Amino acid sequence: METPVDDDIRRDEKGRPLAADGYPVSGLATVVDAMAVSSLGRTHIYDLMTRGELPSVRFGRSRRIPWPALREVFLTEGGGK
């Protein structure tokens, strides 16, 4: 059984729905994605995750950040560091 696809929703190469700003609204981002969105360096992103200011998920030695958290911290009015 195939899942219906809404043709009105823009999607990225991984099939994640995109918001009007071009960034995904769901899924997990890499640290490199977070660096691009925030214009912060790798060390600063890891510091934010360590302090709990940026939620993250561990996969073995890798860290991923939920896109909703990135949107809340860096892409909303009043957000950002």
PDB file of N, CA and C in Angstrom:
ATOM      1  N   MET A   1       0.840  -1.170   0.000  1.00  0.00           N
ATOM      2  CA  MET A   1       0.000   0.000   0.000  1.00  0.00           C
ATOM      3  C   MET A   1       0.895   1.245   0.000  1.00  0.00           C
ATOM      4  N   GLU A   2       0.658   2.146  -0.933  1.00  0.00           N
ATOM      5  CA  GLU A   2       1.460   3.360  -1.021  1.00  0.00           C
ATOM      6  C   GLU A   2       0.869   4.458  -0.165  1.00  0.00           C
ATOM      7  N   THR A   3       1.753   5.284   0.393  1.00  0.00           N
ATOM      8  CA  THR A   3       1.328   6.427   1.183  1.00  0.00           C
ATOM      9  C   THR A   3       1.038   7.581   0.236  1.00  0.00           C
ATOM     10  N   PRO A   4      -0.122   8.246   0.384  1.00  0.00           N
ATOM     11  CA  PRO A   4      -0.410   9.368  -0.492  1.00  0.00           C
ATOM     12  C   PRO A   4       0.564  10.516  -0.235  1.00  0.00           C
ATOM     13  N   VAL A   5       0.940  11.194  -1.310  1.00  0.00           N
ATOM     14  CA  VAL A   5       1.874  12.309  -1.217  1.00  0.00           C
ATOM     15  C   VAL A   5       1.140  13.584  -1.600  1.00  0.00           C
ATOM     16  N   ASP A   6       1.242  14.604  -0.754  1.00  0.00           N
ATOM     17  CA  ASP A   6       0.636  15.894  -1.031  1.00  0.00           C
ATOM     18  C   ASP A   6       1.584  16.673  -1.933  1.00  0.00           C
ATOM     19  N   ASP A   7       1.179  16.931  -3.175  1.00  0.00           N
ATOM     20  CA  ASP A   7       2.039  17.601  -4.145  1.00  0.00           C
ATOM     21  C   ASP A   7       2.253  19.076  -3.836  1.00  0.00           C
ATOM     22  N   ASP A   8       1.455  19.667  -2.940  1.00  0.00           N
ATOM     23  CA  ASP A   8       1.588  21.082  -2.607  1.00  0.00           C
ATOM     24  C   ASP A   8       2.715  21.338  -1.616  1.00  0.00           C
ATOM     25  N   ILE A   9       3.255  20.305  -0.996  1.00  0.00           N
ATOM     26  CA  ILE A   9       4.292  20.464   0.013  1.00  0.00           C
ATOM     27  C   ILE A   9       5.647  20.293  -0.641  1.00  0.00           C
ATOM     28  N   ARG A  10       6.525  21.295  -0.470  1.00  0.00           N
ATOM     29  CA  ARG A  10       7.897  21.177  -0.968  1.00  0.00           C
ATOM     30  C   ARG A  10       8.679  20.255  -0.051  1.00  0.00           C
ATOM     31  N   ARG A  11       9.545  19.449  -0.620  1.00  0.00           N
ATOM     32  CA  ARG A  11      10.338  18.505   0.159  1.00  0.00           C
ATOM     33  C   ARG A  11      11.802  18.606  -0.239  1.00  0.00           C
ATOM     34  N   ASP A  12      12.682  18.258   0.710  1.00  0.00           N
ATOM     35  CA  ASP A  12      14.109  18.240   0.396  1.00  0.00           C
ATOM     36  C   ASP A  12      14.475  16.889  -0.207  1.00  0.00           C
ATOM     37  N   GLU A  13      15.777  16.682  -0.455  1.00  0.00           N
ATOM     38  CA  GLU A  13      16.224  15.447  -1.096  1.00  0.00           C
ATOM     39  C   GLU A  13      15.987  14.205  -0.253  1.00  0.00           C
ATOM     40  N   LYS A  14      15.773  14.379   1.058  1.00  0.00           N
ATOM     41  CA  LYS A  14      15.500  13.245   1.940  1.00  0.00           C
ATOM     42  C   LYS A  14      14.004  13.031   2.143  1.00  0.00           C
ATOM     43  N   GLY A  15      13.172  13.849   1.493  1.00  0.00           N
ATOM     44  CA  GLY A  15      11.730  13.700   1.590  1.00  0.00           C
ATOM     45  C   GLY A  15      11.101  14.448   2.747  1.00  0.00           C
ATOM     46  N   ARG A  16      11.894  15.230   3.486  1.00  0.00           N
ATOM     47  CA  ARG A  16      11.348  15.988   4.618  1.00  0.00           C
ATOM     48  C   ARG A  16      10.604  17.217   4.109  1.00  0.00           C
ATOM     49  N   PRO A  17       9.446  17.525   4.708  1.00  0.00           N
ATOM     50  CA  PRO A  17       8.725  18.728   4.293  1.00  0.00           C
ATOM     51  C   PRO A  17       9.507  19.990   4.654  1.00  0.00           C
ATOM     52  N   LEU A  18       9.485  20.973   3.744  1.00  0.00           N
ATOM     53  CA  LEU A  18      10.199  22.224   3.955  1.00  0.00           C
ATOM     54  C   LEU A  18       9.224  23.348   4.275  1.00  0.00           C
ATOM     55  N   ALA A  19       9.647  24.243   5.145  1.00  0.00           N
ATOM     56  CA  ALA A  19       8.872  25.438   5.450  1.00  0.00           C
ATOM     57  C   ALA A  19       9.149  26.478   4.364  1.00  0.00           C
ATOM     58  N   ALA A  20       8.474  27.617   4.446  1.00  0.00           N
ATOM     59  CA  ALA A  20       8.650  28.682   3.460  1.00  0.00           C
ATOM     60  C   ALA A  20      10.086  29.199   3.434  1.00  0.00           C
ATOM     61  N   ASP A  21      10.805  29.096   4.573  1.00  0.00           N
ATOM     62  CA  ASP A  21      12.187  29.585   4.624  1.00  0.00           C
ATOM     63  C   ASP A  21      13.188  28.608   4.009  1.00  0.00           C
ATOM     64  N   GLY A  22      12.712  27.433   3.580  1.00  0.00           N
ATOM     65  CA  GLY A  22      13.575  26.462   2.916  1.00  0.00           C
ATOM     66  C   GLY A  22      14.217  25.443   3.827  1.00  0.00           C
ATOM     67  N   TYR A  23      13.994  25.545   5.138  1.00  0.00           N
ATOM     68  CA  TYR A  23      14.560  24.589   6.081  1.00  0.00           C
ATOM     69  C   TYR A  23      13.512  23.547   6.455  1.00  0.00           C
ATOM     70  N   PRO A  24      13.934  22.302   6.738  1.00  0.00           N
ATOM     71  CA  PRO A  24      12.982  21.249   7.120  1.00  0.00           C
ATOM     72  C   PRO A  24      12.232  21.599   8.403  1.00  0.00           C
ATOM     73  N   VAL A  25      11.022  21.081   8.517  1.00  0.00           N
ATOM     74  CA  VAL A  25      10.227  21.293   9.728  1.00  0.00           C
ATOM     75  C   VAL A  25      10.274  20.079  10.643  1.00  0.00           C
ATOM     76  N   SER A  26      10.812  18.961  10.161  1.00  0.00           N
ATOM     77  CA  SER A  26      10.897  17.761  10.993  1.00  0.00           C
ATOM     78  C   SER A  26      12.181  17.016  10.652  1.00  0.00           C
ATOM     79  N   GLY A  27      12.462  15.996  11.433  1.00  0.00           N
ATOM     80  CA  GLY A  27      13.658  15.204  11.215  1.00  0.00           C
ATOM     81  C   GLY A  27      14.804  15.675  12.093  1.00  0.00           C
ATOM     82  N   LEU A  28      15.986  15.167  11.804  1.00  0.00           N
ATOM     83  CA  LEU A  28      17.165  15.481  12.601  1.00  0.00           C
ATOM     84  C   LEU A  28      18.223  16.164  11.743  1.00  0.00           C
ATOM     85  N   ALA A  29      18.882  17.149  12.330  1.00  0.00           N
ATOM     86  CA  ALA A  29      19.936  17.900  11.649  1.00  0.00           C
ATOM     87  C   ALA A  29      21.290  17.484  12.194  1.00  0.00           C
ATOM     88  N   THR A  30      22.303  17.606  11.362  1.00  0.00           N
ATOM     89  CA  THR A  30      23.669  17.365  11.803  1.00  0.00           C
ATOM     90  C   THR A  30      24.221  18.636  12.438  1.00  0.00           C
ATOM     91  N   VAL A  31      25.368  18.516  13.056  1.00  0.00           N
ATOM     92  CA  VAL A  31      26.037  19.688  13.622  1.00  0.00           C
ATOM     93  C   VAL A  31      26.393  20.659  12.496  1.00  0.00           C
ATOM     94  N   VAL A  32      26.758  20.144  11.345  1.00  0.00           N
ATOM     95  CA  VAL A  32      27.080  20.998  10.198  1.00  0.00           C
ATOM     96  C   VAL A  32      25.838  21.787   9.762  1.00  0.00           C
ATOM     97  N   ASP A  33      24.659  21.137   9.761  1.00  0.00           N
ATOM     98  CA  ASP A  33      23.410  21.850   9.459  1.00  0.00           C
ATOM     99  C   ASP A  33      23.180  22.966  10.466  1.00  0.00           C
ATOM    100  N   ALA A  34      23.396  22.668  11.745  1.00  0.00           N
ATOM    101  CA  ALA A  34      23.201  23.667  12.802  1.00  0.00           C
ATOM    102  C   ALA A  34      24.166  24.830  12.630  1.00  0.00           C
ATOM    103  N   MET A  35      25.386  24.540  12.214  1.00  0.00           N
ATOM    104  CA  MET A  35      26.360  25.597  11.971  1.00  0.00           C
ATOM    105  C   MET A  35      25.887  26.513  10.843  1.00  0.00           C
ATOM    106  N   ALA A  36      25.332  25.940   9.786  1.00  0.00           N
ATOM    107  CA  ALA A  36      24.860  26.728   8.647  1.00  0.00           C
ATOM    108  C   ALA A  36      23.664  27.600   9.029  1.00  0.00           C
ATOM    109  N   VAL A  37      22.743  27.044   9.804  1.00  0.00           N
ATOM    110  CA  VAL A  37      21.546  27.783  10.205  1.00  0.00           C
ATOM    111  C   VAL A  37      21.891  28.910  11.162  1.00  0.00           C
ATOM    112  N   SER A  38      22.808  28.658  12.080  1.00  0.00           N
ATOM    113  CA  SER A  38      23.084  29.597  13.159  1.00  0.00           C
ATOM    114  C   SER A  38      24.238  30.554  12.893  1.00  0.00           C
ATOM    115  N   SER A  39      25.083  30.236  11.940  1.00  0.00           N
ATOM    116  CA  SER A  39      26.318  30.996  11.686  1.00  0.00           C
ATOM    117  C   SER A  39      27.270  30.938  12.875  1.00  0.00           C
ATOM    118  N   LEU A  40      27.165  29.886  13.664  1.00  0.00           N
ATOM    119  CA  LEU A  40      28.069  29.660  14.795  1.00  0.00           C
ATOM    120  C   LEU A  40      29.052  28.561  14.430  1.00  0.00           C
ATOM    121  N   GLY A  41      30.144  28.497  15.158  1.00  0.00           N
ATOM    122  CA  GLY A  41      31.140  27.466  14.929  1.00  0.00           C
ATOM    123  C   GLY A  41      30.768  26.143  15.583  1.00  0.00           C
ATOM    124  N   ARG A  42      31.481  25.113  15.186  1.00  0.00           N
ATOM    125  CA  ARG A  42      31.249  23.758  15.694  1.00  0.00           C
ATOM    126  C   ARG A  42      31.354  23.699  17.219  1.00  0.00           C
ATOM    127  N   THR A  43      32.393  24.314  17.783  1.00  0.00           N
ATOM    128  CA  THR A  43      32.589  24.272  19.230  1.00  0.00           C
ATOM    129  C   THR A  43      31.436  24.931  19.970  1.00  0.00           C
ATOM    130  N   HIS A  44      30.952  26.053  19.446  1.00  0.00           N
ATOM    131  CA  HIS A  44      29.833  26.754  20.084  1.00  0.00           C
ATOM    132  C   HIS A  44      28.566  25.897  20.039  1.00  0.00           C
ATOM    133  N   ILE A  45      28.315  25.222  18.936  1.00  0.00           N
ATOM    134  CA  ILE A  45      27.148  24.331  18.833  1.00  0.00           C
ATOM    135  C   ILE A  45      27.253  23.217  19.868  1.00  0.00           C
ATOM    136  N   TYR A  46      28.434  22.591  19.975  1.00  0.00           N
ATOM    137  CA  TYR A  46      28.606  21.528  20.962  1.00  0.00           C
ATOM    138  C   TYR A  46      28.464  22.073  22.390  1.00  0.00           C
ATOM    139  N   ASP A  47      28.947  23.285  22.649  1.00  0.00           N
ATOM    140  CA  ASP A  47      28.770  23.903  23.972  1.00  0.00           C
ATOM    141  C   ASP A  47      27.290  24.094  24.288  1.00  0.00           C
ATOM    142  N   LEU A  48      26.506  24.556  23.313  1.00  0.00           N
ATOM    143  CA  LEU A  48      25.066  24.738  23.519  1.00  0.00           C
ATOM    144  C   LEU A  48      24.387  23.403  23.837  1.00  0.00           C
ATOM    145  N   MET A  49      24.800  22.344  23.151  1.00  0.00           N
ATOM    146  CA  MET A  49      24.227  21.022  23.416  1.00  0.00           C
ATOM    147  C   MET A  49      24.633  20.530  24.802  1.00  0.00           C
ATOM    148  N   THR A  50      25.885  20.736  25.179  1.00  0.00           N
ATOM    149  CA  THR A  50      26.372  20.291  26.488  1.00  0.00           C
ATOM    150  C   THR A  50      25.637  21.001  27.622  1.00  0.00           C
ATOM    151  N   ARG A  51      25.395  22.312  27.451  1.00  0.00           N
ATOM    152  CA  ARG A  51      24.690  23.088  28.478  1.00  0.00           C
ATOM    153  C   ARG A  51      23.195  22.846  28.481  1.00  0.00           C
ATOM    154  N   GLY A  52      22.682  22.126  27.492  1.00  0.00           N
ATOM    155  CA  GLY A  52      21.256  21.832  27.425  1.00  0.00           C
ATOM    156  C   GLY A  52      20.438  22.940  26.783  1.00  0.00           C
ATOM    157  N   GLU A  53      21.091  23.935  26.208  1.00  0.00           N
ATOM    158  CA  GLU A  53      20.383  25.034  25.558  1.00  0.00           C
ATOM    159  C   GLU A  53      19.918  24.663  24.156  1.00  0.00           C
ATOM    160  N   LEU A  54      20.518  23.636  23.590  1.00  0.00           N
ATOM    161  CA  LEU A  54      20.127  23.114  22.288  1.00  0.00           C
ATOM    162  C   LEU A  54      19.941  21.607  22.446  1.00  0.00           C
ATOM    163  N   PRO A  55      18.698  21.137  22.393  1.00  0.00           N
ATOM    164  CA  PRO A  55      18.449  19.698  22.566  1.00  0.00           C
ATOM    165  C   PRO A  55      19.145  18.884  21.476  1.00  0.00           C
ATOM    166  N   SER A  56      19.599  17.702  21.865  1.00  0.00           N
ATOM    167  CA  SER A  56      20.252  16.828  20.885  1.00  0.00           C
ATOM    168  C   SER A  56      19.973  15.374  21.238  1.00  0.00           C
ATOM    169  N   VAL A  57      20.231  14.522  20.259  1.00  0.00           N
ATOM    170  CA  VAL A  57      20.039  13.081  20.395  1.00  0.00           C
ATOM    171  C   VAL A  57      21.363  12.432  20.032  1.00  0.00           C
ATOM    172  N   ARG A  58      21.761  11.435  20.789  1.00  0.00           N
ATOM    173  CA  ARG A  58      23.011  10.722  20.509  1.00  0.00           C
ATOM    174  C   ARG A  58      22.715   9.440  19.728  1.00  0.00           C
ATOM    175  N   PHE A  59      23.527   9.208  18.703  1.00  0.00           N
ATOM    176  CA  PHE A  59      23.527   7.957  17.951  1.00  0.00           C
ATOM    177  C   PHE A  59      24.952   7.455  17.984  1.00  0.00           C
ATOM    178  N   GLY A  60      25.278   6.621  18.966  1.00  0.00           N
ATOM    179  CA  GLY A  60      26.660   6.191  19.140  1.00  0.00           C
ATOM    180  C   GLY A  60      27.502   7.397  19.494  1.00  0.00           C
ATOM    181  N   ARG A  61      28.477   7.722  18.656  1.00  0.00           N
ATOM    182  CA  ARG A  61      29.320   8.884  18.904  1.00  0.00           C
ATOM    183  C   ARG A  61      28.807  10.144  18.212  1.00  0.00           C
ATOM    184  N   SER A  62      27.747  10.015  17.415  1.00  0.00           N
ATOM    185  CA  SER A  62      27.203  11.151  16.676  1.00  0.00           C
ATOM    186  C   SER A  62      26.147  11.886  17.478  1.00  0.00           C
ATOM    187  N   ARG A  63      26.009  13.172  17.217  1.00  0.00           N
ATOM    188  CA  ARG A  63      24.952  13.980  17.818  1.00  0.00           C
ATOM    189  C   ARG A  63      24.083  14.508  16.690  1.00  0.00           C
ATOM    190  N   ARG A  64      22.794  14.525  16.900  1.00  0.00           N
ATOM    191  CA  ARG A  64      21.843  15.098  15.952  1.00  0.00           C
ATOM    192  C   ARG A  64      20.923  16.036  16.722  1.00  0.00           C
ATOM    193  N   ILE A  65      20.476  17.080  16.053  1.00  0.00           N
ATOM    194  CA  ILE A  65      19.607  18.077  16.663  1.00  0.00           C
ATOM    195  C   ILE A  65      18.259  18.016  15.945  1.00  0.00           C
ATOM    196  N   PRO A  66      17.162  17.898  16.685  1.00  0.00           N
ATOM    197  CA  PRO A  66      15.852  17.908  16.028  1.00  0.00           C
ATOM    198  C   PRO A  66      15.628  19.249  15.312  1.00  0.00           C
ATOM    199  N   TRP A  67      15.148  19.196  14.073  1.00  0.00           N
ATOM    200  CA  TRP A  67      14.889  20.427  13.335  1.00  0.00           C
ATOM    201  C   TRP A  67      13.932  21.358  14.070  1.00  0.00           C
ATOM    202  N   PRO A  68      12.878  20.847  14.743  1.00  0.00           N
ATOM    203  CA  PRO A  68      12.016  21.778  15.488  1.00  0.00           C
ATOM    204  C   PRO A  68      12.796  22.579  16.544  1.00  0.00           C
ATOM    205  N   ALA A  69      13.789  21.962  17.178  1.00  0.00           N
ATOM    206  CA  ALA A  69      14.604  22.684  18.170  1.00  0.00           C
ATOM    207  C   ALA A  69      15.472  23.742  17.489  1.00  0.00           C
ATOM    208  N   LEU A  70      16.063  23.405  16.351  1.00  0.00           N
ATOM    209  CA  LEU A  70      16.861  24.393  15.614  1.00  0.00           C
ATOM    210  C   LEU A  70      15.988  25.567  15.186  1.00  0.00           C
ATOM    211  N   ARG A  71      14.790  25.273  14.720  1.00  0.00           N
ATOM    212  CA  ARG A  71      13.876  26.334  14.298  1.00  0.00           C
ATOM    213  C   ARG A  71      13.535  27.236  15.478  1.00  0.00           C
ATOM    214  N   GLU A  72      13.261  26.625  16.626  1.00  0.00           N
ATOM    215  CA  GLU A  72      12.887  27.403  17.814  1.00  0.00           C
ATOM    216  C   GLU A  72      14.032  28.297  18.291  1.00  0.00           C
ATOM    217  N   VAL A  73      15.232  27.754  18.315  1.00  0.00           N
ATOM    218  CA  VAL A  73      16.376  28.494  18.852  1.00  0.00           C
ATOM    219  C   VAL A  73      16.921  29.525  17.868  1.00  0.00           C
ATOM    220  N   PHE A  74      17.010  29.177  16.581  1.00  0.00           N
ATOM    221  CA  PHE A  74      17.708  30.042  15.639  1.00  0.00           C
ATOM    222  C   PHE A  74      16.848  30.700  14.569  1.00  0.00           C
ATOM    223  N   LEU A  75      15.684  30.153  14.270  1.00  0.00           N
ATOM    224  CA  LEU A  75      14.918  30.665  13.123  1.00  0.00           C
ATOM    225  C   LEU A  75      13.624  31.392  13.489  1.00  0.00           C
ATOM    226  N   THR A  76      13.370  31.615  14.771  1.00  0.00           N
ATOM    227  CA  THR A  76      12.152  32.326  15.160  1.00  0.00           C
ATOM    228  C   THR A  76      12.494  33.728  15.635  1.00  0.00           C
ATOM    229  N   GLU A  77      11.493  34.589  15.648  1.00  0.00           N
ATOM    230  CA  GLU A  77      11.692  35.940  16.175  1.00  0.00           C
ATOM    231  C   GLU A  77      12.135  35.849  17.622  1.00  0.00           C
ATOM    232  N   GLY A  78      13.139  36.581  17.959  1.00  0.00           N
ATOM    233  CA  GLY A  78      13.633  36.577  19.340  1.00  0.00           C
ATOM    234  C   GLY A  78      14.554  35.429  19.634  1.00  0.00           C
ATOM    235  N   GLY A  79      14.665  34.460  18.701  1.00  0.00           N
ATOM    236  CA  GLY A  79      15.577  33.337  18.902  1.00  0.00           C
ATOM    237  C   GLY A  79      16.985  33.748  18.551  1.00  0.00           C
ATOM    238  N   GLY A  80      17.879  32.836  18.678  1.00  0.00           N
ATOM    239  CA  GLY A  80      19.269  33.118  18.316  1.00  0.00           C
ATOM    240  C   GLY A  80      20.112  33.404  19.532  1.00  0.00           C
ATOM    241  N   LYS A  81      21.390  33.280  19.361  1.00  0.00           N
ATOM    242  CA  LYS A  81      22.333  33.471  20.459  1.00  0.00           C
ATOM    243  C   LYS A  81      23.182  34.658  20.187  1.00  0.00           C
TER     244      LYS A  81
END
